[in-house]
Amino acid sequence: MNGAVGQWVSAAAALALVLGLIWIVARLARRGGLAAPGPRRIRVVETTPIDTRRRAVILRVDGRDALFVTGGPQDCFVGWL
């Protein structure tokens, strides 16, 4: 039983190490300008619940507003506002 627990601990430590390295590399890339955030093209303007499952979402895309309905059997693009 001790061998199995030791393997789980080793696997968890290895996973934590890899995730930590990915996080450090991402931070360095952002600071170094490799992953510099550009201007955002899509932004959530407003969300409004329609009922318990569905929401109306207004997104601003390249300066224009679009209306979506999400949360039902499928998401639906209603149109440009």
Protein backbone atom coordinates (compact mmCIF):
# COMPACT_ATOMS: atom_id res chain seq x y z
CA MET A 1 0.00 0.00 0.00
CA ASN A 2 2.87 2.39 0.76
CA GLY A 3 4.25 1.98 -2.76
CA ALA A 4 0.95 3.02 -4.33
CA VAL A 5 0.65 6.06 -2.09
CA GLY A 6 4.21 7.04 -2.92
CA GLN A 7 3.45 6.82 -6.63
CA TRP A 8 0.40 9.07 -6.24
CA VAL A 9 2.43 11.61 -4.27
CA SER A 10 5.17 11.55 -6.91
CA ALA A 11 2.64 11.99 -9.72
CA ALA A 12 0.95 14.89 -7.91
CA ALA A 13 4.31 16.57 -7.26
CA ALA A 14 5.32 16.15 -10.91
CA LEU A 15 2.01 17.62 -12.07
CA ALA A 16 2.40 20.58 -9.70
CA LEU A 17 5.94 21.15 -10.97
CA VAL A 18 4.87 21.11 -14.63
CA LEU A 19 1.93 23.45 -13.99
CA GLY A 20 4.21 25.80 -12.06
CA LEU A 21 6.73 25.85 -14.90
CA ILE A 22 3.98 26.60 -17.44
CA TRP A 23 2.75 29.46 -15.26
CA ILE A 24 6.27 30.91 -14.91
CA VAL A 25 6.94 30.70 -18.66
CA ALA A 26 3.60 32.39 -19.41
CA ARG A 27 4.39 35.24 -16.99
CA LEU A 28 7.83 35.73 -18.52
CA ALA A 29 6.39 35.69 -22.04
CA ARG A 30 3.89 38.41 -21.12
CA ARG A 31 6.57 40.56 -19.48
CA GLY A 32 8.98 40.05 -22.36
CA GLY A 33 6.43 41.09 -24.95
CA LEU A 34 6.11 37.67 -26.59
CA ALA A 35 2.46 37.35 -25.61
CA ALA A 36 1.62 41.02 -25.42
CA PRO A 37 -2.10 41.55 -25.16
CA GLY A 38 -3.37 43.44 -28.17
CA PRO A 39 -6.56 45.39 -28.41
CA ARG A 40 -9.55 43.24 -27.55
CA ARG A 41 -11.96 42.73 -30.42
CA ILE A 42 -14.74 41.05 -28.43
CA ARG A 43 -16.16 42.28 -25.13
CA VAL A 44 -19.24 41.36 -23.09
CA VAL A 45 -21.40 44.46 -22.75
CA GLU A 46 -24.32 43.02 -20.78
CA THR A 47 -25.94 39.73 -19.80
CA THR A 48 -29.54 39.33 -18.74
CA PRO A 49 -31.25 36.14 -17.55
CA ILE A 50 -34.30 35.20 -19.62
CA ASP A 51 -35.32 32.23 -17.48
CA THR A 52 -33.56 29.69 -15.27
CA ARG A 53 -31.59 28.20 -18.18
CA ARG A 54 -31.23 30.87 -20.85
CA ARG A 55 -29.46 34.25 -21.00
CA ALA A 56 -29.42 37.12 -23.44
CA VAL A 57 -25.86 38.34 -24.04
CA ILE A 58 -24.83 41.51 -25.82
CA LEU A 59 -21.29 41.36 -27.20
CA ARG A 60 -19.39 44.27 -28.72
CA VAL A 61 -17.44 42.99 -31.72
CA ASP A 62 -15.23 45.48 -33.58
CA GLY A 63 -17.39 48.38 -32.43
CA ARG A 64 -20.73 46.74 -33.28
CA ASP A 65 -23.14 45.12 -30.82
CA ALA A 66 -24.43 41.59 -31.36
CA LEU A 67 -27.21 39.81 -29.45
CA PHE A 68 -26.88 36.12 -28.52
CA VAL A 69 -29.17 33.79 -26.58
CA THR A 70 -27.28 31.07 -24.70
CA GLY A 71 -28.10 28.19 -22.40
CA GLY A 72 -30.90 26.42 -24.23
CA PRO A 73 -30.54 23.32 -26.37
CA GLN A 74 -28.25 25.38 -28.60
CA ASP A 75 -26.83 28.90 -28.56
CA CYS A 76 -28.38 31.32 -31.02
CA PHE A 77 -27.12 34.48 -32.75
CA VAL A 78 -30.13 36.81 -32.90
CA GLY A 79 -28.60 39.65 -34.85
CA TRP A 80 -26.65 42.88 -34.91
CA LEU A 81 -28.02 45.77 -32.87
